[in-house]
Amino acid sequence: MGIFGAKKQPPPPHPRKEPRYDCPLTADNIAAVFDRCADFNRRTLYLNNDPTRQVEMLFIAGQVRNERACDYVLRPLTQNEALRTAPDMDAAFDLMAKGGLYSLVVQVRDNADQVIFDMIDGSVALFFQGREQVLTLSAGTEEKRSVSNPENEPDVKGARDSFVESLRTNTSLVRRRFRAPELKIEEQIVGRQSVTPVDLLYVDGIADSELVAQLSDRLQDIDIDALLMTGSLEQYVVNESHTAFPLTAYTERPDRFCTGLAEGRVGVLVDGIPMGWLFPATLDSFFRTGQDRSTSWAVAGALSVLRYICMLITLFLPGLYAAAVLFHLELIPVKLTLSIIAAKANVPFSTLTEVVVMLLAFEVLQEAGLRLPSSIGQTVSILGGLVVGSAAVEAKLVSPAVLVVVAIAGIAGYTAPSQDFAGALRIWRFGLAVAGGVLGLVGLILGGMAMVYRLAELETFHVAYLTPFASNAGKQKEGHVVLREPLPKVKTRPNYLNTRNRRNQG
């Protein structure tokens, strides 16, 4: 027995059944597969009104667009004179496969699995009497969310489109920007039940072939029932899962995604998820924005420095305040010390308790504002700010200095472009605040050393996570570390990506 109950038993086997449906390819067998499916439809047609020349038409409503099925399939079958007067069913089959029908994609299938998944993808299946093969004709609907402005990554001088849930729409957005035929798109299927298409994108001749092969192998090794959420991909392709820091960089902007491909990174797009991933992900990936390349090098460099400074503030300011008030009052100016002592005279809690409780209250307010509808969330944020702010101070539950310190630390954390990275900073902020409140500056320094040590342990596809501050087998990043050089002077791609062609401009 453990502290969480009975000893955990090993999971049962997860056998992979291939093929899924090992049965003769007939219309009745396919109909049996979709038994108790309200959206399954079956229609019997006669060529030239002859019952001996029967064609079974099978499709899934909602996956097939009605107008296309009528124009691409029904109209030619009933109005094409060559099809109607074909000498036998074999001749009619050949005519349909070679242009008698108006569908852009016509495929000849000879097993049940192929036909079933074609129908799920939006194809119409035609079964010919006395014929073992089946024709599937693409007539899928293209109902999807329209391409809209990026909500989470706004850019003043950038493009106004973002990824959507349709995989082919996303690949077309990438193709429109990256028109070189060297852009390769390899597709895999992940998820036994969801059967989700996953596309691997890279630029042949630039991306490291070993990186492409390694990421492809990791995608193939994902053996789960359904790939429906981002975590189902992110947590299966990374080296390390026991860390709060994100090891995958994602974006909803096609222009930023293409920029990563041009650098030599490898991208991943998943059907049903409106974002793309870029590998490998390094520390600087989470502090860059699309606007950095749209502004001058001086402005971009200043903003980059500001983001790193804010990272240090959100991490260490609460712990530094607790350490200074509890152990090192000599670090605080005399007038400020007297003000803090006077404000804290009637507060019954210790400084460490105040800091931790206020950090928790800040997180609760943020979580409540995110999870509730926008109108209610704004109301909760306003009420929570009033209660936690002025009311708590007036009630002598919290000293004003603690409120100011926590507010500054919280606002500084919002400057991180990546919300996943900001979440990791918030977790470490609690640990550093406790370390500073218990051991003073010694505890704060030890906590910072532990965090840096943990970051130094992390790698993503054999690239150090602390890049550009860490060396990768002697391959330091060129171009910029925190301050970016003018773009005309950055003649080569990042060295640590081990690109096959390092030159990126003349």
Protein backbone atom coordinates (compact mmCIF):
# COMPACT_ATOMS: atom_id res chain seq x y z
CA MET A 1 0.00 0.00 0.00
CA GLY A 2 1.22 3.49 -0.84
CA ILE A 3 0.12 6.92 0.31
CA PHE A 4 -2.22 7.15 -2.68
CA GLY A 5 -3.92 3.78 -2.13
CA ALA A 6 -3.28 0.32 -3.52
CA LYS A 7 -0.15 -0.40 -5.47
CA LYS A 8 -0.53 0.60 -9.09
CA GLN A 9 -0.86 -2.36 -11.43
CA PRO A 10 0.89 -2.40 -14.80
CA PRO A 11 -1.40 -1.40 -17.68
CA PRO A 12 -2.93 -4.13 -19.83
CA PRO A 13 -1.50 -4.74 -23.32
CA HIS A 14 -2.47 -2.39 -26.09
CA PRO A 15 -2.58 -4.63 -29.18
CA ARG A 16 -2.56 -2.98 -32.57
CA LYS A 17 -5.02 -4.60 -34.96
CA GLU A 18 -3.93 -4.42 -38.58
CA PRO A 19 -5.95 -4.40 -40.72
CA ARG A 20 -8.86 -3.05 -38.74
CA TYR A 21 -11.47 -4.84 -40.84
CA ASP A 22 -10.30 -8.09 -42.38
CA CYS A 23 -13.37 -8.88 -44.47
CA PRO A 24 -14.31 -9.18 -48.15
CA LEU A 25 -14.76 -5.83 -49.84
CA THR A 26 -18.52 -5.67 -50.39
CA ALA A 27 -21.13 -2.97 -49.89
CA ASP A 28 -22.89 -5.08 -47.24
CA ASN A 29 -19.68 -5.47 -45.20
CA ILE A 30 -18.98 -1.74 -45.33
CA ALA A 31 -22.57 -1.03 -44.30
CA ALA A 32 -22.13 -3.42 -41.37
CA VAL A 33 -19.10 -1.44 -40.21
CA PHE A 34 -21.25 1.72 -40.06
CA ASP A 35 -24.17 -0.03 -38.37
CA ARG A 36 -25.99 2.27 -35.91
CA CYS A 37 -24.46 5.33 -37.60
CA ALA A 38 -27.19 7.85 -38.40
CA ASP A 39 -25.01 9.72 -40.87
CA PHE A 40 -24.27 6.67 -43.06
CA ASN A 41 -26.11 6.60 -46.38
CA ARG A 42 -26.45 3.98 -49.10
CA ARG A 43 -28.06 4.32 -52.50
CA THR A 44 -28.51 1.82 -55.32
CA LEU A 45 -28.17 3.03 -58.92
CA TYR A 46 -28.83 1.27 -62.25
CA LEU A 47 -26.79 2.12 -65.31
CA ASN A 48 -29.13 2.78 -68.24
CA ASN A 49 -32.04 1.65 -66.03
CA ASP A 50 -30.80 -1.93 -66.21
CA PRO A 51 -31.12 -3.81 -62.85
CA THR A 52 -28.37 -6.21 -63.93
CA ARG A 53 -25.91 -3.29 -64.06
CA GLN A 54 -26.09 -2.22 -60.44
CA VAL A 55 -23.87 0.37 -58.72
CA GLU A 56 -23.94 0.86 -54.94
CA MET A 57 -23.18 4.40 -53.77
CA LEU A 58 -22.03 4.70 -50.12
CA PHE A 59 -21.17 7.94 -48.32
CA ILE A 60 -21.31 9.67 -44.92
CA ALA A 61 -23.57 12.70 -44.68
CA GLY A 62 -21.79 15.75 -43.31
CA GLN A 63 -18.45 14.57 -44.65
CA VAL A 64 -19.67 14.82 -48.25
CA ARG A 65 -20.90 18.02 -49.84
CA ASN A 66 -24.25 17.31 -51.46
CA GLU A 67 -23.72 19.53 -54.49
CA ARG A 68 -20.40 17.90 -55.30
CA ALA A 69 -21.77 14.39 -54.94
CA CYS A 70 -24.59 15.26 -57.32
CA ASP A 71 -22.36 17.01 -59.87
CA TYR A 72 -19.34 14.69 -59.66
CA VAL A 73 -21.11 11.32 -59.35
CA LEU A 74 -24.85 11.23 -59.92
CA ARG A 75 -24.99 13.49 -62.97
CA PRO A 76 -22.29 11.61 -64.96
CA LEU A 77 -23.78 8.24 -64.01
CA THR A 78 -27.20 9.22 -65.30
CA GLN A 79 -26.30 11.52 -68.20
CA ASN A 80 -22.96 10.30 -69.60
CA GLU A 81 -23.90 8.31 -72.69
CA ALA A 82 -20.64 6.36 -72.79
CA LEU A 83 -21.18 5.11 -69.24
CA ARG A 84 -24.81 4.23 -69.83
CA THR A 85 -24.06 2.24 -72.97
CA ALA A 86 -20.84 0.54 -71.82
CA PRO A 87 -20.84 -3.13 -72.94
CA ASP A 88 -20.26 -4.50 -69.43
CA MET A 89 -19.50 -3.44 -65.87
CA ASP A 90 -15.76 -3.81 -66.32
CA ALA A 91 -15.83 -1.34 -69.19
CA ALA A 92 -17.98 1.05 -67.14
CA PHE A 93 -15.53 0.76 -64.23
CA ASP A 94 -12.58 1.63 -66.47
CA LEU A 95 -14.41 4.62 -67.95
CA MET A 96 -15.27 5.95 -64.51
CA ALA A 97 -11.73 5.46 -63.22
CA LYS A 98 -10.19 7.22 -66.23
CA GLY A 99 -12.36 10.29 -66.57
CA GLY A 100 -15.99 9.32 -66.86
CA LEU A 101 -16.67 11.00 -63.52
CA TYR A 102 -15.87 14.62 -62.75
CA SER A 103 -14.08 14.27 -59.42
CA LEU A 104 -10.56 15.64 -59.17
CA VAL A 105 -9.34 12.70 -57.03
CA VAL A 106 -10.43 9.18 -58.09
CA GLN A 107 -8.80 6.16 -56.46
CA VAL A 108 -9.13 2.42 -57.00
CA ARG A 109 -9.32 0.53 -53.69
CA ASP A 110 -9.05 -3.18 -53.03
CA ASN A 111 -9.44 -3.51 -49.22
CA ALA A 112 -12.01 -2.47 -46.67
CA ASP A 113 -9.75 -0.23 -44.57
CA GLN A 114 -8.93 2.01 -47.52
CA VAL A 115 -12.59 2.44 -48.47
CA ILE A 116 -13.70 3.14 -44.89
CA PHE A 117 -11.14 5.85 -44.27
CA ASP A 118 -11.75 7.41 -47.69
CA MET A 119 -15.43 7.70 -46.77
CA ILE A 120 -14.57 9.24 -43.41
CA ASP A 121 -12.37 11.77 -45.21
CA GLY A 122 -15.29 12.80 -47.45
CA SER A 123 -15.23 10.45 -50.44
CA VAL A 124 -18.08 8.65 -52.16
CA ALA A 125 -17.54 4.88 -52.60
CA LEU A 126 -18.92 3.15 -55.70
CA PHE A 127 -19.36 -0.64 -55.66
CA PHE A 128 -19.89 -2.31 -59.04
CA GLN A 129 -21.83 -5.51 -59.36
CA GLY A 130 -19.47 -8.42 -59.92
CA ARG A 131 -16.35 -6.29 -59.40
CA GLU A 132 -13.92 -6.82 -56.48
CA GLN A 133 -12.41 -3.34 -56.66
CA VAL A 134 -14.06 -0.11 -55.51
CA LEU A 135 -13.88 3.45 -56.77
CA THR A 136 -13.68 6.28 -54.20
CA LEU A 137 -14.26 9.82 -55.43
CA SER A 138 -13.41 12.89 -53.39
CA ALA A 139 -16.48 15.06 -52.79
CA GLY A 140 -15.68 16.27 -49.27
CA THR A 141 -17.12 19.34 -47.67
CA GLU A 142 -14.79 22.21 -46.81
CA GLU A 143 -16.78 23.57 -43.90
CA LYS A 144 -14.30 25.12 -41.48
CA ARG A 145 -13.56 28.24 -39.54
CA SER A 146 -12.44 31.04 -41.80
CA VAL A 147 -8.91 32.38 -41.59
CA SER A 148 -8.95 35.21 -39.05
CA ASN A 149 -6.59 37.54 -37.21
CA PRO A 150 -4.17 35.95 -34.72
CA GLU A 151 -5.67 36.52 -31.27
CA ASN A 152 -2.80 35.38 -29.04
CA GLU A 153 0.11 36.80 -31.07
CA PRO A 154 -0.88 40.25 -32.34
CA ASP A 155 1.62 42.10 -34.51
CA VAL A 156 1.46 45.75 -35.57
CA LYS A 157 3.45 45.34 -38.79
CA GLY A 158 2.87 41.64 -39.48
CA ALA A 159 0.37 39.57 -41.44
CA ARG A 160 -3.26 39.31 -40.39
CA ASP A 161 -3.91 35.58 -40.91
CA SER A 162 -3.55 32.67 -38.53
CA PHE A 163 -3.75 28.90 -38.60
CA VAL A 164 -7.18 27.22 -38.45
CA GLU A 165 -8.34 23.69 -37.63
CA SER A 166 -8.12 22.44 -41.23
CA LEU A 167 -4.77 20.82 -41.97
CA ARG A 168 -4.88 21.47 -45.72
CA THR A 169 -5.77 25.11 -45.15
CA ASN A 170 -2.74 25.44 -42.87
CA THR A 171 -0.37 23.82 -45.36
CA SER A 172 -1.71 26.14 -48.06
CA LEU A 173 -0.99 29.16 -45.84
CA VAL A 174 2.59 27.93 -45.52
CA ARG A 175 2.89 27.24 -49.28
CA ARG A 176 1.74 30.74 -50.15
CA ARG A 177 4.64 32.19 -48.20
CA PHE A 178 7.25 29.49 -48.82
CA ARG A 179 6.85 28.84 -52.55
CA ALA A 180 10.08 26.93 -53.06
CA PRO A 181 9.52 23.31 -54.13
CA GLU A 182 12.19 22.32 -51.58
CA LEU A 183 9.51 22.65 -48.92
CA LYS A 184 8.63 19.05 -48.09
CA ILE A 185 5.44 17.92 -46.34
CA GLU A 186 5.46 14.35 -45.02
CA GLU A 187 2.26 12.98 -43.52
CA GLN A 188 1.75 10.40 -40.80
CA ILE A 189 -1.33 9.07 -39.03
CA VAL A 190 -1.38 9.22 -35.22
CA GLY A 191 -4.08 7.86 -32.92
CA ARG A 192 -5.74 4.49 -33.17
CA GLN A 193 -9.25 5.86 -32.79
CA SER A 194 -8.89 9.47 -33.91
CA VAL A 195 -6.70 8.55 -36.95
CA THR A 196 -5.36 12.10 -36.99
CA PRO A 197 -3.21 13.29 -39.91
CA VAL A 198 0.06 14.88 -38.75
CA ASP A 199 2.28 16.72 -41.24
CA LEU A 200 6.03 17.14 -40.88
CA LEU A 201 7.34 20.22 -42.72
CA TYR A 202 10.95 21.10 -43.50
CA VAL A 203 13.04 22.68 -46.23
CA ASP A 204 15.10 20.10 -48.05
CA GLY A 205 18.70 21.26 -48.33
CA ILE A 206 18.48 23.44 -45.21
CA ALA A 207 17.05 21.39 -42.33
CA ASP A 208 19.25 18.84 -40.63
CA SER A 209 18.35 15.41 -42.03
CA GLU A 210 19.07 13.75 -38.66
CA LEU A 211 16.64 16.11 -36.94
CA VAL A 212 13.97 15.32 -39.54
CA ALA A 213 14.50 11.57 -39.13
CA GLN A 214 14.49 11.77 -35.33
CA LEU A 215 11.27 13.79 -35.17
CA SER A 216 9.63 11.49 -37.73
CA ASP A 217 10.54 8.44 -35.65
CA ARG A 218 9.12 10.01 -32.49
CA LEU A 219 5.85 10.76 -34.25
CA GLN A 220 5.65 7.16 -35.45
CA ASP A 221 6.27 5.93 -31.89
CA ILE A 222 3.22 7.80 -30.51
CA ASP A 223 0.82 4.92 -29.80
CA ILE A 224 -2.30 6.47 -28.25
CA ASP A 225 -6.02 6.23 -28.86
CA ALA A 226 -6.64 9.84 -29.83
CA LEU A 227 -4.56 12.87 -30.80
CA LEU A 228 -7.06 15.64 -30.09
CA MET A 229 -5.24 18.03 -27.76
CA THR A 230 -1.88 19.77 -27.93
CA GLY A 231 -0.49 17.83 -24.97
CA SER A 232 -0.98 14.55 -26.81
CA LEU A 233 1.77 15.68 -29.19
CA GLU A 234 3.97 17.88 -27.02
CA GLN A 235 4.43 15.41 -24.17
CA TYR A 236 5.27 12.48 -26.44
CA VAL A 237 7.97 13.96 -28.68
CA VAL A 238 10.13 15.70 -26.04
CA ASN A 239 13.10 14.20 -24.21
CA GLU A 240 12.04 15.22 -20.71
CA SER A 241 8.53 15.32 -19.25
CA HIS A 242 9.36 16.08 -15.59
CA THR A 243 9.81 19.80 -15.96
CA ALA A 244 7.55 22.84 -15.83
CA PHE A 245 9.42 24.58 -18.64
CA PRO A 246 8.01 23.99 -22.13
CA LEU A 247 10.22 22.04 -24.53
CA THR A 248 8.13 22.75 -27.63
CA ALA A 249 7.63 26.14 -29.24
CA TYR A 250 4.32 26.75 -30.98
CA THR A 251 2.80 29.60 -32.96
CA GLU A 252 -0.52 30.43 -34.56
CA ARG A 253 1.10 32.73 -37.13
CA PRO A 254 2.04 31.24 -40.54
CA ASP A 255 4.66 33.96 -41.11
CA ARG A 256 6.50 33.10 -37.89
CA PHE A 257 6.18 29.40 -38.71
CA CYS A 258 7.80 29.97 -42.13
CA THR A 259 10.56 32.03 -40.52
CA GLY A 260 11.40 29.04 -38.35
CA LEU A 261 11.49 26.76 -41.41
CA ALA A 262 13.83 29.19 -43.16
CA GLU A 263 16.15 29.11 -40.14
CA GLY A 264 16.43 25.33 -40.48
CA ARG A 265 13.89 24.19 -37.93
CA VAL A 266 11.38 21.41 -38.52
CA GLY A 267 7.66 22.17 -38.23
CA VAL A 268 4.67 20.03 -37.30
CA LEU A 269 1.02 20.67 -38.16
CA VAL A 270 -1.85 18.57 -36.77
CA ASP A 271 -5.33 18.32 -38.23
CA GLY A 272 -7.86 19.87 -35.85
CA ILE A 273 -5.37 22.03 -33.92
CA PRO A 274 -4.98 25.68 -35.06
CA MET A 275 -1.27 26.07 -34.42
CA GLY A 276 2.09 24.81 -35.59
CA TRP A 277 5.12 23.56 -33.67
CA LEU A 278 8.77 24.32 -34.41
CA PHE A 279 11.63 22.06 -33.30
CA PRO A 280 14.05 22.32 -31.62
CA ALA A 281 12.79 24.79 -28.99
CA THR A 282 15.40 26.78 -27.08
CA LEU A 283 15.22 29.45 -24.38
CA ASP A 284 15.39 32.33 -26.82
CA SER A 285 12.47 30.85 -28.79
CA PHE A 286 10.16 31.81 -25.93
CA PHE A 287 11.36 35.42 -25.79
CA ARG A 288 11.06 36.24 -29.48
CA THR A 289 8.05 37.70 -31.23
CA GLY A 290 7.20 38.12 -34.88
CA GLN A 291 7.53 41.86 -34.44
CA ASP A 292 11.23 41.60 -33.56
CA ARG A 293 12.13 41.25 -37.24
CA SER A 294 9.70 43.97 -38.29
CA THR A 295 11.29 46.72 -36.19
CA SER A 296 14.77 48.21 -36.15
CA TRP A 297 17.56 46.32 -34.46
CA ALA A 298 17.82 48.97 -31.71
CA VAL A 299 14.12 48.77 -30.77
CA ALA A 300 14.09 44.96 -31.01
CA GLY A 301 17.20 44.72 -28.86
CA ALA A 302 15.79 47.06 -26.21
CA LEU A 303 12.54 45.10 -26.03
CA SER A 304 14.46 41.83 -25.79
CA VAL A 305 16.51 43.18 -22.86
CA LEU A 306 13.28 44.37 -21.23
CA ARG A 307 11.75 40.88 -21.48
CA TYR A 308 14.76 39.24 -19.84
CA ILE A 309 14.80 41.85 -17.07
CA CYS A 310 11.09 41.27 -16.47
CA MET A 311 11.77 37.53 -16.28
CA LEU A 312 14.25 38.16 -13.45
CA ILE A 313 11.82 40.52 -11.72
CA THR A 314 8.88 38.12 -11.78
CA LEU A 315 11.10 35.29 -10.52
CA PHE A 316 13.11 36.93 -7.77
CA LEU A 317 11.29 40.07 -6.58
CA PRO A 318 8.85 38.37 -4.12
CA GLY A 319 11.62 36.19 -2.68
CA LEU A 320 14.03 39.14 -2.50
CA TYR A 321 11.45 41.23 -0.62
CA ALA A 322 10.76 38.44 1.87
CA ALA A 323 14.49 37.85 2.40
CA ALA A 324 15.21 41.55 2.86
CA VAL A 325 12.40 42.18 5.35
CA LEU A 326 12.97 39.03 7.41
CA PHE A 327 16.79 38.73 7.35
CA HIS A 328 18.51 41.66 5.65
CA LEU A 329 16.87 44.95 6.59
CA GLU A 330 20.17 46.69 5.89
CA LEU A 331 19.48 46.21 2.17
CA ILE A 332 16.46 48.53 2.38
CA PRO A 333 16.82 52.32 2.68
CA VAL A 334 16.08 53.64 6.18
CA LYS A 335 12.98 55.66 5.25
CA LEU A 336 11.52 52.74 3.32
CA THR A 337 12.28 50.42 6.25
CA LEU A 338 10.42 52.71 8.65
CA SER A 339 7.48 52.89 6.25
CA ILE A 340 7.33 49.10 5.94
CA ILE A 341 7.53 48.63 9.72
CA ALA A 342 4.77 51.20 10.32
CA ALA A 343 2.49 49.62 7.71
CA LYS A 344 3.13 46.14 9.09
CA ALA A 345 2.58 47.04 12.73
CA ASN A 346 -1.09 46.02 12.72
CA VAL A 347 -0.79 43.08 10.28
CA PRO A 348 -1.03 39.78 12.22
CA PHE A 349 0.75 37.60 9.62
CA SER A 350 4.43 37.13 8.86
CA THR A 351 5.96 38.61 5.73
CA LEU A 352 6.44 35.18 4.14
CA THR A 353 2.80 34.30 4.76
CA GLU A 354 1.70 37.60 3.23
CA VAL A 355 3.81 37.06 0.11
CA VAL A 356 2.69 33.47 -0.45
CA VAL A 357 -0.99 34.25 0.18
CA MET A 358 -0.91 37.23 -2.18
CA LEU A 359 0.80 35.17 -4.87
CA LEU A 360 -1.90 32.53 -4.48
CA ALA A 361 -4.63 35.18 -4.63
CA PHE A 362 -3.08 36.60 -7.79
CA GLU A 363 -3.13 33.14 -9.41
CA VAL A 364 -6.73 32.50 -8.34
CA LEU A 365 -7.89 35.80 -9.83
CA GLN A 366 -6.04 35.12 -13.06
CA GLU A 367 -7.47 31.61 -13.35
CA ALA A 368 -10.99 32.82 -12.63
CA GLY A 369 -10.71 35.54 -15.26
CA LEU A 370 -9.50 33.06 -17.88
CA ARG A 371 -12.04 30.29 -17.29
CA LEU A 372 -15.20 32.38 -17.03
CA PRO A 373 -16.94 34.04 -20.01
CA SER A 374 -15.36 37.35 -20.95
CA SER A 375 -18.11 39.57 -19.51
CA ILE A 376 -18.22 37.70 -16.18
CA GLY A 377 -14.43 37.31 -16.10
CA GLN A 378 -13.91 41.06 -16.29
CA THR A 379 -16.35 41.58 -13.43
CA VAL A 380 -14.61 38.97 -11.29
CA SER A 381 -11.23 40.56 -12.01
CA ILE A 382 -12.46 44.00 -10.99
CA LEU A 383 -14.15 42.76 -7.83
CA GLY A 384 -11.18 40.58 -6.95
CA GLY A 385 -8.79 43.47 -7.46
CA LEU A 386 -10.84 45.69 -5.17
CA VAL A 387 -11.17 43.01 -2.48
CA VAL A 388 -7.57 41.79 -2.62
CA GLY A 389 -6.21 45.28 -3.05
CA SER A 390 -7.72 48.18 -1.13
CA ALA A 391 -10.06 46.13 1.09
CA ALA A 392 -7.31 43.78 2.27
CA VAL A 393 -4.99 46.69 3.05
CA GLU A 394 -7.67 48.67 4.88
CA ALA A 395 -8.57 45.59 6.91
CA LYS A 396 -4.91 45.26 7.97
CA LEU A 397 -4.69 41.77 6.49
CA VAL A 398 -1.88 42.67 4.07
CA SER A 399 0.72 45.40 4.12
CA PRO A 400 0.74 47.77 1.13
CA ALA A 401 4.38 46.97 0.28
CA VAL A 402 3.60 43.28 -0.22
CA LEU A 403 0.69 44.17 -2.48
CA VAL A 404 2.92 46.40 -4.62
CA VAL A 405 5.70 43.78 -4.83
CA VAL A 406 3.33 40.99 -5.89
CA ALA A 407 1.59 43.24 -8.43
CA ILE A 408 4.92 44.26 -10.01
CA ALA A 409 6.05 40.63 -10.18
CA GLY A 410 2.75 39.55 -11.73
CA ILE A 411 2.72 42.28 -14.37
CA ALA A 412 6.37 41.61 -15.24
CA GLY A 413 5.47 37.97 -15.93
CA TYR A 414 2.99 39.03 -18.60
CA THR A 415 5.78 40.37 -20.81
CA ALA A 416 6.87 36.82 -21.70
CA PRO A 417 5.56 36.13 -25.24
CA SER A 418 5.02 32.44 -24.43
CA GLN A 419 2.27 31.72 -21.90
CA ASP A 420 3.65 28.21 -21.33
CA PHE A 421 7.01 29.67 -20.31
CA ALA A 422 5.28 32.29 -18.16
CA GLY A 423 3.43 29.47 -16.36
CA ALA A 424 6.73 27.79 -15.53
CA LEU A 425 8.08 31.08 -14.16
CA ARG A 426 5.03 31.38 -11.92
CA ILE A 427 5.67 27.93 -10.43
CA TRP A 428 9.33 28.67 -9.73
CA ARG A 429 8.36 32.06 -8.30
CA PHE A 430 6.58 30.31 -5.43
CA GLY A 431 9.61 28.15 -4.68
CA LEU A 432 12.01 31.08 -4.75
CA ALA A 433 9.72 33.16 -2.52
CA VAL A 434 9.61 30.38 0.08
CA ALA A 435 13.39 29.86 -0.16
CA GLY A 436 14.01 33.58 0.37
CA GLY A 437 11.58 33.75 3.26
CA VAL A 438 13.09 30.74 5.06
CA LEU A 439 16.84 31.13 4.42
CA GLY A 440 17.19 34.71 3.28
CA LEU A 441 19.52 35.62 0.44
CA VAL A 442 21.33 32.30 0.84
CA GLY A 443 18.11 30.43 0.13
CA LEU A 444 17.28 32.72 -2.79
CA ILE A 445 20.72 32.15 -4.34
CA LEU A 446 20.48 28.40 -3.80
CA GLY A 447 17.04 28.38 -5.40
CA GLY A 448 18.32 30.31 -8.40
CA MET A 449 21.25 27.94 -8.76
CA ALA A 450 18.88 24.96 -8.64
CA MET A 451 16.75 26.48 -11.39
CA VAL A 452 19.75 27.20 -13.62
CA TYR A 453 21.08 23.68 -13.00
CA ARG A 454 17.72 22.24 -14.00
CA LEU A 455 17.62 24.32 -17.15
CA ALA A 456 21.17 23.28 -18.02
CA GLU A 457 20.10 19.62 -17.85
CA LEU A 458 17.38 20.06 -20.46
CA GLU A 459 17.89 19.33 -24.14
CA THR A 460 15.58 19.34 -27.13
CA PHE A 461 16.74 17.07 -29.94
CA HIS A 462 20.37 17.29 -28.75
CA VAL A 463 20.28 21.09 -28.57
CA ALA A 464 20.92 22.74 -25.20
CA TYR A 465 17.79 24.38 -23.80
CA LEU A 466 19.79 27.38 -22.55
CA THR A 467 20.86 28.31 -26.08
CA PRO A 468 22.04 30.99 -26.86
CA PHE A 469 23.64 31.24 -23.40
CA ALA A 470 25.02 27.69 -23.59
CA SER A 471 27.43 26.14 -26.03
CA ASN A 472 26.35 23.24 -28.24
CA ALA A 473 29.54 21.26 -28.86
CA GLY A 474 31.34 24.54 -29.43
CA LYS A 475 28.66 25.83 -31.82
CA GLN A 476 27.55 29.12 -30.35
CA LYS A 477 24.64 30.97 -31.88
CA GLU A 478 25.66 33.69 -34.31
CA GLY A 479 23.71 36.83 -35.15
CA HIS A 480 22.44 37.81 -31.70
CA VAL A 481 22.14 36.54 -28.16
CA VAL A 482 19.97 39.09 -26.39
CA LEU A 483 20.73 42.08 -28.60
CA ARG A 484 19.97 41.50 -32.27
CA GLU A 485 22.30 42.70 -34.97
CA PRO A 486 20.93 44.51 -38.04
CA LEU A 487 19.44 41.86 -40.31
CA PRO A 488 21.70 42.65 -43.33
CA LYS A 489 24.70 41.69 -41.18
CA VAL A 490 23.31 38.28 -40.13
CA LYS A 491 24.66 36.30 -43.07
CA THR A 492 24.34 32.79 -41.67
CA ARG A 493 21.74 30.63 -40.00
CA PRO A 494 22.08 29.59 -36.34
CA ASN A 495 25.07 27.29 -35.98
CA TYR A 496 23.51 25.03 -33.35
CA LEU A 497 20.77 23.89 -35.77
CA ASN A 498 23.41 22.08 -37.83
CA THR A 499 21.79 23.19 -41.08
CA ARG A 500 23.02 21.76 -44.36
CA ASN A 501 23.26 25.26 -45.86
CA ARG A 502 24.32 27.91 -43.35
CA ARG A 503 24.23 30.88 -45.72
CA ASN A 504 20.90 32.72 -45.68
CA GLN A 505 21.66 35.84 -47.70
CA GLY A 506 24.23 37.31 -50.04
